Amino acid sequence: MAISEFEIKRIEKVVGKAVEKRRPPVHVRNEFDIGFRIDNQSVFIFERRQDWRDKSQYNEIENAKLTWVKTQKLWKIFWMRQDLKWHSYEPTPTAKNIEAAVEVIMNDQYGCFWG
């Protein structure tokens, strides 16, 4: 079951505020930027980079995935490894609320999300 409209607005506010703090300066955002999208029960945080061969094209590289598990009432936190598969983030694989989940990603204790 998808996240309610009320929760979507809350997620957009919390994640949007955190992503805004990490975004690069305005003058380079046409080459590199950070964004997010909500898809069903998941929130994806990604980097958007200009294609080096065709400057009119952009590539998105997903850094983090948060998935709401309604039955457990928690957010699962994932990161993309070199094998291009999502892996549970250790030492903090879950969070009770979206604020705590976003804080884990933004703090990035082990350099999994932001390098």
PDB file of N, CA and C in Angstrom:
ATOM      1  N   MET A   1       0.837  -1.180   0.000  1.00  0.00           N
ATOM      2  CA  MET A   1       0.000   0.000   0.000  1.00  0.00           C
ATOM      3  C   MET A   1       0.879   1.239   0.000  1.00  0.00           C
ATOM      4  N   ALA A   2       0.525   2.196  -0.823  1.00  0.00           N
ATOM      5  CA  ALA A   2       1.311   3.417  -0.958  1.00  0.00           C
ATOM      6  C   ALA A   2       1.163   4.304   0.280  1.00  0.00           C
ATOM      7  N   ILE A   3       2.061   5.229   0.417  1.00  0.00           N
ATOM      8  CA  ILE A   3       2.062   6.177   1.524  1.00  0.00           C
ATOM      9  C   ILE A   3       0.923   7.173   1.304  1.00  0.00           C
ATOM     10  N   SER A   4       0.250   7.607   2.375  1.00  0.00           N
ATOM     11  CA  SER A   4      -0.872   8.548   2.274  1.00  0.00           C
ATOM     12  C   SER A   4      -0.393   9.913   1.777  1.00  0.00           C
ATOM     13  N   GLU A   5      -1.339  10.699   1.253  1.00  0.00           N
ATOM     14  CA  GLU A   5      -0.996  12.035   0.751  1.00  0.00           C
ATOM     15  C   GLU A   5      -0.455  12.923   1.867  1.00  0.00           C
ATOM     16  N   PHE A   6      -1.014  12.789   3.050  1.00  0.00           N
ATOM     17  CA  PHE A   6      -0.537  13.553   4.202  1.00  0.00           C
ATOM     18  C   PHE A   6       0.921  13.218   4.491  1.00  0.00           C
ATOM     19  N   GLU A   7       1.245  11.937   4.518  1.00  0.00           N
ATOM     20  CA  GLU A   7       2.622  11.506   4.770  1.00  0.00           C
ATOM     21  C   GLU A   7       3.552  11.935   3.640  1.00  0.00           C
ATOM     22  N   ILE A   8       3.074  11.910   2.407  1.00  0.00           N
ATOM     23  CA  ILE A   8       3.897  12.346   1.270  1.00  0.00           C
ATOM     24  C   ILE A   8       4.321  13.796   1.456  1.00  0.00           C
ATOM     25  N   LYS A   9       3.392  14.648   1.858  1.00  0.00           N
ATOM     26  CA  LYS A   9       3.730  16.068   2.087  1.00  0.00           C
ATOM     27  C   LYS A   9       4.766  16.203   3.199  1.00  0.00           C
ATOM     28  N   ARG A  10       4.599  15.425   4.252  1.00  0.00           N
ATOM     29  CA  ARG A  10       5.560  15.460   5.360  1.00  0.00           C
ATOM     30  C   ARG A  10       6.939  14.990   4.903  1.00  0.00           C
ATOM     31  N   ILE A  11       6.970  13.912   4.128  1.00  0.00           N
ATOM     32  CA  ILE A  11       8.227  13.377   3.607  1.00  0.00           C
ATOM     33  C   ILE A  11       8.896  14.406   2.693  1.00  0.00           C
ATOM     34  N   GLU A  12       8.112  15.014   1.811  1.00  0.00           N
ATOM     35  CA  GLU A  12       8.662  16.030   0.909  1.00  0.00           C
ATOM     36  C   GLU A  12       9.294  17.175   1.687  1.00  0.00           C
ATOM     37  N   LYS A  13       8.654  17.568   2.774  1.00  0.00           N
ATOM     38  CA  LYS A  13       9.184  18.662   3.587  1.00  0.00           C
ATOM     39  C   LYS A  13      10.489  18.262   4.266  1.00  0.00           C
ATOM     40  N   VAL A  14      10.508  17.099   4.910  1.00  0.00           N
ATOM     41  CA  VAL A  14      11.689  16.652   5.667  1.00  0.00           C
ATOM     42  C   VAL A  14      12.860  16.347   4.731  1.00  0.00           C
ATOM     43  N   VAL A  15      12.611  15.535   3.714  1.00  0.00           N
ATOM     44  CA  VAL A  15      13.684  15.146   2.792  1.00  0.00           C
ATOM     45  C   VAL A  15      14.125  16.351   1.960  1.00  0.00           C
ATOM     46  N   GLY A  16      13.163  17.151   1.525  1.00  0.00           N
ATOM     47  CA  GLY A  16      13.494  18.343   0.743  1.00  0.00           C
ATOM     48  C   GLY A  16      14.402  19.297   1.491  1.00  0.00           C
ATOM     49  N   LYS A  17      14.137  19.485   2.766  1.00  0.00           N
ATOM     50  CA  LYS A  17      14.970  20.376   3.592  1.00  0.00           C
ATOM     51  C   LYS A  17      16.390  19.828   3.722  1.00  0.00           C
ATOM     52  N   ALA A  18      16.507  18.520   3.940  1.00  0.00           N
ATOM     53  CA  ALA A  18      17.833  17.903   4.089  1.00  0.00           C
ATOM     54  C   ALA A  18      18.616  17.937   2.779  1.00  0.00           C
ATOM     55  N   VAL A  19      17.937  17.638   1.683  1.00  0.00           N
ATOM     56  CA  VAL A  19      18.601  17.637   0.366  1.00  0.00           C
ATOM     57  C   VAL A  19      19.039  19.053   0.004  1.00  0.00           C
ATOM     58  N   GLU A  20      18.214  20.028   0.319  1.00  0.00           N
ATOM     59  CA  GLU A  20      18.543  21.422   0.003  1.00  0.00           C
ATOM     60  C   GLU A  20      19.864  21.845   0.655  1.00  0.00           C
ATOM     61  N   LYS A  21      20.127  21.365   1.856  1.00  0.00           N
ATOM     62  CA  LYS A  21      21.383  21.688   2.549  1.00  0.00           C
ATOM     63  C   LYS A  21      22.603  21.097   1.841  1.00  0.00           C
ATOM     64  N   ARG A  22      22.418  19.985   1.134  1.00  0.00           N
ATOM     65  CA  ARG A  22      23.523  19.291   0.453  1.00  0.00           C
ATOM     66  C   ARG A  22      23.710  19.718  -0.990  1.00  0.00           C
ATOM     67  N   ARG A  23      22.743  20.430  -1.538  1.00  0.00           N
ATOM     68  CA  ARG A  23      22.830  20.811  -2.953  1.00  0.00           C
ATOM     69  C   ARG A  23      24.045  21.701  -3.209  1.00  0.00           C
ATOM     70  N   PRO A  24      24.629  21.586  -4.388  1.00  0.00           N
ATOM     71  CA  PRO A  24      25.785  22.421  -4.722  1.00  0.00           C
ATOM     72  C   PRO A  24      25.351  23.870  -4.973  1.00  0.00           C
ATOM     73  N   PRO A  25      26.308  24.779  -5.118  1.00  0.00           N
ATOM     74  CA  PRO A  25      25.971  26.171  -5.418  1.00  0.00           C
ATOM     75  C   PRO A  25      25.162  26.284  -6.718  1.00  0.00           C
ATOM     76  N   VAL A  26      24.357  27.307  -6.801  1.00  0.00           N
ATOM     77  CA  VAL A  26      23.435  27.490  -7.932  1.00  0.00           C
ATOM     78  C   VAL A  26      24.162  27.473  -9.273  1.00  0.00           C
ATOM     79  N   HIS A  27      25.353  28.044  -9.354  1.00  0.00           N
ATOM     80  CA  HIS A  27      26.035  28.163 -10.643  1.00  0.00           C
ATOM     81  C   HIS A  27      26.520  26.823 -11.216  1.00  0.00           C
ATOM     82  N   VAL A  28      26.517  25.738 -10.440  1.00  0.00           N
ATOM     83  CA  VAL A  28      26.935  24.432 -10.978  1.00  0.00           C
ATOM     84  C   VAL A  28      25.786  23.420 -11.062  1.00  0.00           C
ATOM     85  N   ARG A  29      24.593  23.824 -10.677  1.00  0.00           N
ATOM     86  CA  ARG A  29      23.466  22.886 -10.656  1.00  0.00           C
ATOM     87  C   ARG A  29      23.043  22.384 -12.023  1.00  0.00           C
ATOM     88  N   ASN A  30      23.410  23.091 -13.082  1.00  0.00           N
ATOM     89  CA  ASN A  30      23.103  22.570 -14.421  1.00  0.00           C
ATOM     90  C   ASN A  30      24.038  21.422 -14.796  1.00  0.00           C
ATOM     91  N   GLU A  31      25.158  21.279 -14.102  1.00  0.00           N
ATOM     92  CA  GLU A  31      26.094  20.182 -14.335  1.00  0.00           C
ATOM     93  C   GLU A  31      25.948  19.066 -13.305  1.00  0.00           C
ATOM     94  N   PHE A  32      25.660  19.446 -12.058  1.00  0.00           N
ATOM     95  CA  PHE A  32      25.561  18.480 -10.963  1.00  0.00           C
ATOM     96  C   PHE A  32      24.540  18.981  -9.950  1.00  0.00           C
ATOM     97  N   ASP A  33      23.645  18.105  -9.537  1.00  0.00           N
ATOM     98  CA  ASP A  33      22.652  18.486  -8.541  1.00  0.00           C
ATOM     99  C   ASP A  33      22.245  17.257  -7.736  1.00  0.00           C
ATOM    100  N   ILE A  34      21.531  17.483  -6.666  1.00  0.00           N
ATOM    101  CA  ILE A  34      21.036  16.405  -5.812  1.00  0.00           C
ATOM    102  C   ILE A  34      19.527  16.569  -5.700  1.00  0.00           C
ATOM    103  N   GLY A  35      18.815  15.451  -5.771  1.00  0.00           N
ATOM    104  CA  GLY A  35      17.367  15.503  -5.683  1.00  0.00           C
ATOM    105  C   GLY A  35      16.808  14.255  -5.032  1.00  0.00           C
ATOM    106  N   PHE A  36      15.491  14.166  -5.015  1.00  0.00           N
ATOM    107  CA  PHE A  36      14.837  12.979  -4.467  1.00  0.00           C
ATOM    108  C   PHE A  36      13.501  12.768  -5.174  1.00  0.00           C
ATOM    109  N   ARG A  37      12.990  11.567  -5.059  1.00  0.00           N
ATOM    110  CA  ARG A  37      11.665  11.254  -5.589  1.00  0.00           C
ATOM    111  C   ARG A  37      11.028  10.187  -4.701  1.00  0.00           C
ATOM    112  N   ILE A  38       9.725  10.195  -4.692  1.00  0.00           N
ATOM    113  CA  ILE A  38       8.957   9.220  -3.926  1.00  0.00           C
ATOM    114  C   ILE A  38       8.294   8.285  -4.920  1.00  0.00           C
ATOM    115  N   ASP A  39       8.482   6.985  -4.703  1.00  0.00           N
ATOM    116  CA  ASP A  39       7.905   5.969  -5.580  1.00  0.00           C
ATOM    117  C   ASP A  39       7.296   4.870  -4.706  1.00  0.00           C
ATOM    118  N   ASN A  40       5.967   4.826  -4.653  1.00  0.00           N
ATOM    119  CA  ASN A  40       5.232   3.903  -3.775  1.00  0.00           C
ATOM    120  C   ASN A  40       5.658   4.107  -2.326  1.00  0.00           C
ATOM    121  N   GLN A  41       6.217   3.087  -1.671  1.00  0.00           N
ATOM    122  CA  GLN A  41       6.625   3.206  -0.276  1.00  0.00           C
ATOM    123  C   GLN A  41       8.082   3.626  -0.120  1.00  0.00           C
ATOM    124  N   SER A  42       8.745   3.965  -1.192  1.00  0.00           N
ATOM    125  CA  SER A  42      10.176   4.263  -1.127  1.00  0.00           C
ATOM    126  C   SER A  42      10.484   5.705  -1.501  1.00  0.00           C
ATOM    127  N   VAL A  43      11.545   6.205  -0.873  1.00  0.00           N
ATOM    128  CA  VAL A  43      12.090   7.523  -1.193  1.00  0.00           C
ATOM    129  C   VAL A  43      13.503   7.285  -1.703  1.00  0.00           C
ATOM    130  N   PHE A  44      13.806   7.819  -2.880  1.00  0.00           N
ATOM    131  CA  PHE A  44      15.133   7.683  -3.471  1.00  0.00           C
ATOM    132  C   PHE A  44      15.815   9.044  -3.460  1.00  0.00           C
ATOM    133  N   ILE A  45      17.045   9.084  -2.955  1.00  0.00           N
ATOM    134  CA  ILE A  45      17.873  10.293  -2.995  1.00  0.00           C
ATOM    135  C   ILE A  45      18.962  10.032  -4.028  1.00  0.00           C
ATOM    136  N   PHE A  46      19.126  10.957  -4.963  1.00  0.00           N
ATOM    137  CA  PHE A  46      20.025  10.718  -6.092  1.00  0.00           C
ATOM    138  C   PHE A  46      20.848  11.946  -6.453  1.00  0.00           C
ATOM    139  N   GLU A  47      21.927  11.678  -7.183  1.00  0.00           N
ATOM    140  CA  GLU A  47      22.742  12.725  -7.791  1.00  0.00           C
ATOM    141  C   GLU A  47      22.326  12.812  -9.254  1.00  0.00           C
ATOM    142  N   ARG A  48      22.267  13.999  -9.765  1.00  0.00           N
ATOM    143  CA  ARG A  48      21.931  14.219 -11.177  1.00  0.00           C
ATOM    144  C   ARG A  48      23.133  14.891 -11.814  1.00  0.00           C
ATOM    145  N   ARG A  49      23.718  14.201 -12.793  1.00  0.00           N
ATOM    146  CA  ARG A  49      24.937  14.714 -13.437  1.00  0.00           C
ATOM    147  C   ARG A  49      24.727  14.851 -14.944  1.00  0.00           C
ATOM    148  N   GLN A  50      25.357  15.877 -15.479  1.00  0.00           N
ATOM    149  CA  GLN A  50      25.322  16.086 -16.918  1.00  0.00           C
ATOM    150  C   GLN A  50      26.123  14.987 -17.610  1.00  0.00           C
ATOM    151  N   ASP A  51      25.581  14.435 -18.686  1.00  0.00           N
ATOM    152  CA  ASP A  51      26.288  13.399 -19.434  1.00  0.00           C
ATOM    153  C   ASP A  51      27.536  14.003 -20.074  1.00  0.00           C
ATOM    154  N   TRP A  52      28.653  13.329 -19.949  1.00  0.00           N
ATOM    155  CA  TRP A  52      29.914  13.882 -20.453  1.00  0.00           C
ATOM    156  C   TRP A  52      29.989  13.848 -21.979  1.00  0.00           C
ATOM    157  N   ARG A  53      29.206  12.979 -22.628  1.00  0.00           N
ATOM    158  CA  ARG A  53      29.219  12.918 -24.096  1.00  0.00           C
ATOM    159  C   ARG A  53      28.210  13.865 -24.727  1.00  0.00           C
ATOM    160  N   ASP A  54      27.052  14.006 -24.082  1.00  0.00           N
ATOM    161  CA  ASP A  54      25.976  14.839 -24.609  1.00  0.00           C
ATOM    162  C   ASP A  54      25.495  15.751 -23.482  1.00  0.00           C
ATOM    163  N   LYS A  55      25.922  17.002 -23.514  1.00  0.00           N
ATOM    164  CA  LYS A  55      25.639  17.938 -22.438  1.00  0.00           C
ATOM    165  C   LYS A  55      24.147  18.255 -22.281  1.00  0.00           C
ATOM    166  N   SER A  56      23.317  17.852 -23.240  1.00  0.00           N
ATOM    167  CA  SER A  56      21.877  18.088 -23.120  1.00  0.00           C
ATOM    168  C   SER A  56      21.184  16.953 -22.367  1.00  0.00           C
ATOM    169  N   GLN A  57      21.916  15.892 -22.062  1.00  0.00           N
ATOM    170  CA  GLN A  57      21.361  14.737 -21.350  1.00  0.00           C
ATOM    171  C   GLN A  57      21.882  14.691 -19.913  1.00  0.00           C
ATOM    172  N   TYR A  58      21.102  14.066 -19.047  1.00  0.00           N
ATOM    173  CA  TYR A  58      21.483  13.935 -17.639  1.00  0.00           C
ATOM    174  C   TYR A  58      21.346  12.493 -17.184  1.00  0.00           C
ATOM    175  N   ASN A  59      22.193  12.096 -16.243  1.00  0.00           N
ATOM    176  CA  ASN A  59      22.150  10.759 -15.645  1.00  0.00           C
ATOM    177  C   ASN A  59      21.858  10.906 -14.163  1.00  0.00           C
ATOM    178  N   GLU A  60      21.033  10.008 -13.654  1.00  0.00           N
ATOM    179  CA  GLU A  60      20.749   9.990 -12.224  1.00  0.00           C
ATOM    180  C   GLU A  60      21.437   8.786 -11.597  1.00  0.00           C
ATOM    181  N   ILE A  61      22.132   9.049 -10.507  1.00  0.00           N
ATOM    182  CA  ILE A  61      22.832   7.999  -9.768  1.00  0.00           C
ATOM    183  C   ILE A  61      22.219   7.971  -8.370  1.00  0.00           C
ATOM    184  N   GLU A  62      21.529   6.897  -8.061  1.00  0.00           N
ATOM    185  CA  GLU A  62      20.850   6.808  -6.772  1.00  0.00           C
ATOM    186  C   GLU A  62      21.847   6.536  -5.655  1.00  0.00           C
ATOM    187  N   ASN A  63      21.758   7.315  -4.581  1.00  0.00           N
ATOM    188  CA  ASN A  63      22.670   7.195  -3.440  1.00  0.00           C
ATOM    189  C   ASN A  63      22.037   6.447  -2.286  1.00  0.00           C
ATOM    190  N   ALA A  64      20.744   6.701  -2.065  1.00  0.00           N
ATOM    191  CA  ALA A  64      20.082   6.149  -0.884  1.00  0.00           C
ATOM    192  C   ALA A  64      18.640   5.798  -1.202  1.00  0.00           C
ATOM    193  N   LYS A  65      18.145   4.822  -0.465  1.00  0.00           N
ATOM    194  CA  LYS A  65      16.750   4.400  -0.599  1.00  0.00           C
ATOM    195  C   LYS A  65      16.189   4.189   0.798  1.00  0.00           C
ATOM    196  N   LEU A  66      15.047   4.801   1.044  1.00  0.00           N
ATOM    197  CA  LEU A  66      14.328   4.619   2.296  1.00  0.00           C
ATOM    198  C   LEU A  66      12.999   3.961   1.956  1.00  0.00           C
ATOM    199  N   THR A  67      12.677   2.871   2.605  1.00  0.00           N
ATOM    200  CA  THR A  67      11.421   2.178   2.328  1.00  0.00           C
ATOM    201  C   THR A  67      10.601   2.051   3.601  1.00  0.00           C
ATOM    202  N   TRP A  68       9.345   2.513   3.514  1.00  0.00           N
ATOM    203  CA  TRP A  68       8.432   2.436   4.641  1.00  0.00           C
ATOM    204  C   TRP A  68       7.814   1.043   4.696  1.00  0.00           C
ATOM    205  N   VAL A  69       7.922   0.399   5.855  1.00  0.00           N
ATOM    206  CA  VAL A  69       7.319  -0.917   6.077  1.00  0.00           C
ATOM    207  C   VAL A  69       6.192  -0.700   7.082  1.00  0.00           C
ATOM    208  N   LYS A  70       4.976  -0.617   6.552  1.00  0.00           N
ATOM    209  CA  LYS A  70       3.828  -0.260   7.375  1.00  0.00           C
ATOM    210  C   LYS A  70       3.576  -1.274   8.488  1.00  0.00           C
ATOM    211  N   THR A  71       3.724  -2.571   8.201  1.00  0.00           N
ATOM    212  CA  THR A  71       3.443  -3.602   9.202  1.00  0.00           C
ATOM    213  C   THR A  71       4.391  -3.523  10.396  1.00  0.00           C
ATOM    214  N   GLN A  72       5.610  -3.046  10.160  1.00  0.00           N
ATOM    215  CA  GLN A  72       6.599  -2.923  11.236  1.00  0.00           C
ATOM    216  C   GLN A  72       6.695  -1.493  11.766  1.00  0.00           C
ATOM    217  N   LYS A  73       6.044  -0.563  11.072  1.00  0.00           N
ATOM    218  CA  LYS A  73       6.069   0.862  11.424  1.00  0.00           C
ATOM    219  C   LYS A  73       7.491   1.393  11.556  1.00  0.00           C
ATOM    220  N   LEU A  74       8.270   1.175  10.488  1.00  0.00           N
ATOM    221  CA  LEU A  74       9.640   1.680  10.464  1.00  0.00           C
ATOM    222  C   LEU A  74      10.108   1.896   9.038  1.00  0.00           C
ATOM    223  N   TRP A  75      11.168   2.671   8.921  1.00  0.00           N
ATOM    224  CA  TRP A  75      11.824   2.935   7.639  1.00  0.00           C
ATOM    225  C   TRP A  75      13.059   2.059   7.545  1.00  0.00           C
ATOM    226  N   LYS A  76      13.202   1.352   6.428  1.00  0.00           N
ATOM    227  CA  LYS A  76      14.425   0.597   6.165  1.00  0.00           C
ATOM    228  C   LYS A  76      15.349   1.485   5.338  1.00  0.00           C
ATOM    229  N   ILE A  77      16.632   1.434   5.661  1.00  0.00           N
ATOM    230  CA  ILE A  77      17.631   2.298   5.019  1.00  0.00           C
ATOM    231  C   ILE A  77      18.550   1.427   4.167  1.00  0.00           C
ATOM    232  N   PHE A  78      18.704   1.811   2.894  1.00  0.00           N
ATOM    233  CA  PHE A  78      19.531   1.057   1.955  1.00  0.00           C
ATOM    234  C   PHE A  78      20.543   1.968   1.272  1.00  0.00           C
ATOM    235  N   TRP A  79      21.650   1.360   0.846  1.00  0.00           N
ATOM    236  CA  TRP A  79      22.639   2.063   0.035  1.00  0.00           C
ATOM    237  C   TRP A  79      23.005   1.189  -1.154  1.00  0.00           C
ATOM    238  N   MET A  80      23.429   1.830  -2.235  1.00  0.00           N
ATOM    239  CA  MET A  80      23.774   1.133  -3.474  1.00  0.00           C
ATOM    240  C   MET A  80      25.255   0.803  -3.464  1.00  0.00           C
ATOM    241  N   ARG A  81      25.554  -0.493  -3.540  1.00  0.00           N
ATOM    242  CA  ARG A  81      26.954  -0.920  -3.584  1.00  0.00           C
ATOM    243  C   ARG A  81      27.435  -0.974  -5.031  1.00  0.00           C
ATOM    244  N   GLN A  82      28.695  -1.338  -5.211  1.00  0.00           N
ATOM    245  CA  GLN A  82      29.275  -1.405  -6.559  1.00  0.00           C
ATOM    246  C   GLN A  82      28.599  -2.449  -7.431  1.00  0.00           C
ATOM    247  N   ASP A  83      27.948  -3.428  -6.825  1.00  0.00           N
ATOM    248  CA  ASP A  83      27.249  -4.440  -7.620  1.00  0.00           C
ATOM    249  C   ASP A  83      25.909  -3.927  -8.149  1.00  0.00           C
ATOM    250  N   LEU A  84      25.606  -2.639  -7.893  1.00  0.00           N
ATOM    251  CA  LEU A  84      24.381  -1.967  -8.323  1.00  0.00           C
ATOM    252  C   LEU A  84      23.119  -2.590  -7.733  1.00  0.00           C
ATOM    253  N   LYS A  85      23.260  -3.145  -6.531  1.00  0.00           N
ATOM    254  CA  LYS A  85      22.122  -3.692  -5.800  1.00  0.00           C
ATOM    255  C   LYS A  85      22.001  -2.943  -4.474  1.00  0.00           C
ATOM    256  N   TRP A  86      20.765  -2.849  -3.998  1.00  0.00           N
ATOM    257  CA  TRP A  86      20.526  -2.190  -2.725  1.00  0.00           C
ATOM    258  C   TRP A  86      20.889  -3.121  -1.583  1.00  0.00           C
ATOM    259  N   HIS A  87      21.610  -2.570  -0.602  1.00  0.00           N
ATOM    260  CA  HIS A  87      22.024  -3.329   0.575  1.00  0.00           C
ATOM    261  C   HIS A  87      21.603  -2.567   1.827  1.00  0.00           C
ATOM    262  N   SER A  88      21.213  -3.302   2.836  1.00  0.00           N
ATOM    263  CA  SER A  88      20.842  -2.711   4.107  1.00  0.00           C
ATOM    264  C   SER A  88      22.034  -1.948   4.675  1.00  0.00           C
ATOM    265  N   TYR A  89      21.781  -0.772   5.207  1.00  0.00           N
ATOM    266  CA  TYR A  89      22.860   0.057   5.738  1.00  0.00           C
ATOM    267  C   TYR A  89      23.164  -0.356   7.172  1.00  0.00           C
ATOM    268  N   GLU A  90      24.359  -0.826   7.388  1.00  0.00           N
ATOM    269  CA  GLU A  90      24.815  -1.160   8.736  1.00  0.00           C
ATOM    270  C   GLU A  90      25.740  -0.038   9.192  1.00  0.00           C
ATOM    271  N   PRO A  91      25.628   0.418  10.364  1.00  0.00           N
ATOM    272  CA  PRO A  91      25.071  -0.165  11.571  1.00  0.00           C
ATOM    273  C   PRO A  91      23.627   0.245  11.859  1.00  0.00           C
ATOM    274  N   THR A  92      23.012   1.066  11.005  1.00  0.00           N
ATOM    275  CA  THR A  92      21.654   1.543  11.265  1.00  0.00           C
ATOM    276  C   THR A  92      20.746   1.141  10.112  1.00  0.00           C
ATOM    277  N   PRO A  93      20.233  -0.085  10.103  1.00  0.00           N
ATOM    278  CA  PRO A  93      19.416  -0.548   8.983  1.00  0.00           C
ATOM    279  C   PRO A  93      17.979  -0.034   8.996  1.00  0.00           C
ATOM    280  N   THR A  94      17.512   0.482  10.150  1.00  0.00           N
ATOM    281  CA  THR A  94      16.133   0.963  10.241  1.00  0.00           C
ATOM    282  C   THR A  94      16.059   2.228  11.083  1.00  0.00           C
ATOM    283  N   ALA A  95      14.931   2.923  10.937  1.00  0.00           N
ATOM    284  CA  ALA A  95      14.659   4.110  11.748  1.00  0.00           C
ATOM    285  C   ALA A  95      13.161   4.161  12.015  1.00  0.00           C
ATOM    286  N   LYS A  96      12.792   4.699  13.150  1.00  0.00           N
ATOM    287  CA  LYS A  96      11.378   4.769  13.561  1.00  0.00           C
ATOM    288  C   LYS A  96      10.590   5.824  12.795  1.00  0.00           C
ATOM    289  N   ASN A  97      11.280   6.883  12.334  1.00  0.00           N
ATOM    290  CA  ASN A  97      10.572   7.940  11.601  1.00  0.00           C
ATOM    291  C   ASN A  97      11.450   8.473  10.471  1.00  0.00           C
ATOM    292  N   ILE A  98      10.836   9.252   9.597  1.00  0.00           N
ATOM    293  CA  ILE A  98      11.545   9.754   8.417  1.00  0.00           C
ATOM    294  C   ILE A  98      12.676  10.704   8.815  1.00  0.00           C
ATOM    295  N   GLU A  99      12.498  11.476   9.873  1.00  0.00           N
ATOM    296  CA  GLU A  99      13.543  12.397  10.311  1.00  0.00           C
ATOM    297  C   GLU A  99      14.813  11.651  10.710  1.00  0.00           C
ATOM    298  N   ALA A 100      14.641  10.575  11.470  1.00  0.00           N
ATOM    299  CA  ALA A 100      15.797   9.786  11.911  1.00  0.00           C
ATOM    300  C   ALA A 100      16.468   9.098  10.724  1.00  0.00           C
ATOM    301  N   ALA A 101      15.676   8.610   9.772  1.00  0.00           N
ATOM    302  CA  ALA A 101      16.228   7.939   8.593  1.00  0.00           C
ATOM    303  C   ALA A 101      17.054   8.916   7.754  1.00  0.00           C
ATOM    304  N   VAL A 102      16.524  10.104   7.542  1.00  0.00           N
ATOM    305  CA  VAL A 102      17.237  11.119   6.756  1.00  0.00           C
ATOM    306  C   VAL A 102      18.506  11.554   7.481  1.00  0.00           C
ATOM    307  N   GLU A 103      18.447  11.657   8.782  1.00  0.00           N
ATOM    308  CA  GLU A 103      19.639  12.041   9.556  1.00  0.00           C
ATOM    309  C   GLU A 103      20.766  11.019   9.372  1.00  0.00           C
ATOM    310  N   VAL A 104      20.422   9.739   9.355  1.00  0.00           N
ATOM    311  CA  VAL A 104      21.427   8.687   9.136  1.00  0.00           C
ATOM    312  C   VAL A 104      22.096   8.888   7.782  1.00  0.00           C
ATOM    313  N   ILE A 105      21.302   9.147   6.763  1.00  0.00           N
ATOM    314  CA  ILE A 105      21.848   9.319   5.404  1.00  0.00           C
ATOM    315  C   ILE A 105      22.711  10.577   5.314  1.00  0.00           C
ATOM    316  N   MET A 106      22.252  11.666   5.861  1.00  0.00           N
ATOM    317  CA  MET A 106      22.990  12.923   5.762  1.00  0.00           C
ATOM    318  C   MET A 106      24.274  12.899   6.586  1.00  0.00           C
ATOM    319  N   ASN A 107      24.275  12.210   7.723  1.00  0.00           N
ATOM    320  CA  ASN A 107      25.499  12.093   8.528  1.00  0.00           C
ATOM    321  C   ASN A 107      26.501  11.147   7.880  1.00  0.00           C
ATOM    322  N   ASP A 108      26.020  10.110   7.220  1.00  0.00           N
ATOM    323  CA  ASP A 108      26.840   9.180   6.437  1.00  0.00           C
ATOM    324  C   ASP A 108      28.116   8.747   7.165  1.00  0.00           C
ATOM    325  N   GLN A 109      27.935   8.116   8.290  1.00  0.00           N
ATOM    326  CA  GLN A 109      29.034   7.717   9.163  1.00  0.00           C
ATOM    327  C   GLN A 109      30.153   6.952   8.460  1.00  0.00           C
ATOM    328  N   TYR A 110      29.829   6.096   7.493  1.00  0.00           N
ATOM    329  CA  TYR A 110      30.834   5.270   6.826  1.00  0.00           C
ATOM    330  C   TYR A 110      31.104   5.653   5.361  1.00  0.00           C
ATOM    331  N   GLY A 111      30.587   6.767   4.915  1.00  0.00           N
ATOM    332  CA  GLY A 111      30.852   7.223   3.547  1.00  0.00           C
ATOM    333  C   GLY A 111      30.179   6.372   2.485  1.00  0.00           C
ATOM    334  N   CYS A 112      29.076   5.754   2.811  1.00  0.00           N
ATOM    335  CA  CYS A 112      28.375   4.901   1.842  1.00  0.00           C
ATOM    336  C   CYS A 112      27.487   5.704   0.899  1.00  0.00           C
ATOM    337  N   PHE A 113      26.914   6.799   1.371  1.00  0.00           N
ATOM    338  CA  PHE A 113      25.979   7.556   0.574  1.00  0.00           C
ATOM    339  C   PHE A 113      26.624   8.684  -0.215  1.00  0.00           C
ATOM    340  N   TRP A 114      27.594   9.350   0.379  1.00  0.00           N
ATOM    341  CA  TRP A 114      28.182  10.529  -0.239  1.00  0.00           C
ATOM    342  C   TRP A 114      29.674  10.382  -0.536  1.00  0.00           C
ATOM    343  N   GLY A 115      30.220   9.213  -0.341  1.00  0.00           N
ATOM    344  CA  GLY A 115      31.614   8.963  -0.695  1.00  0.00           C
ATOM    345  C   GLY A 115      32.624   9.321   0.341  1.00  0.00           C
TER     346      GLY A 115
END
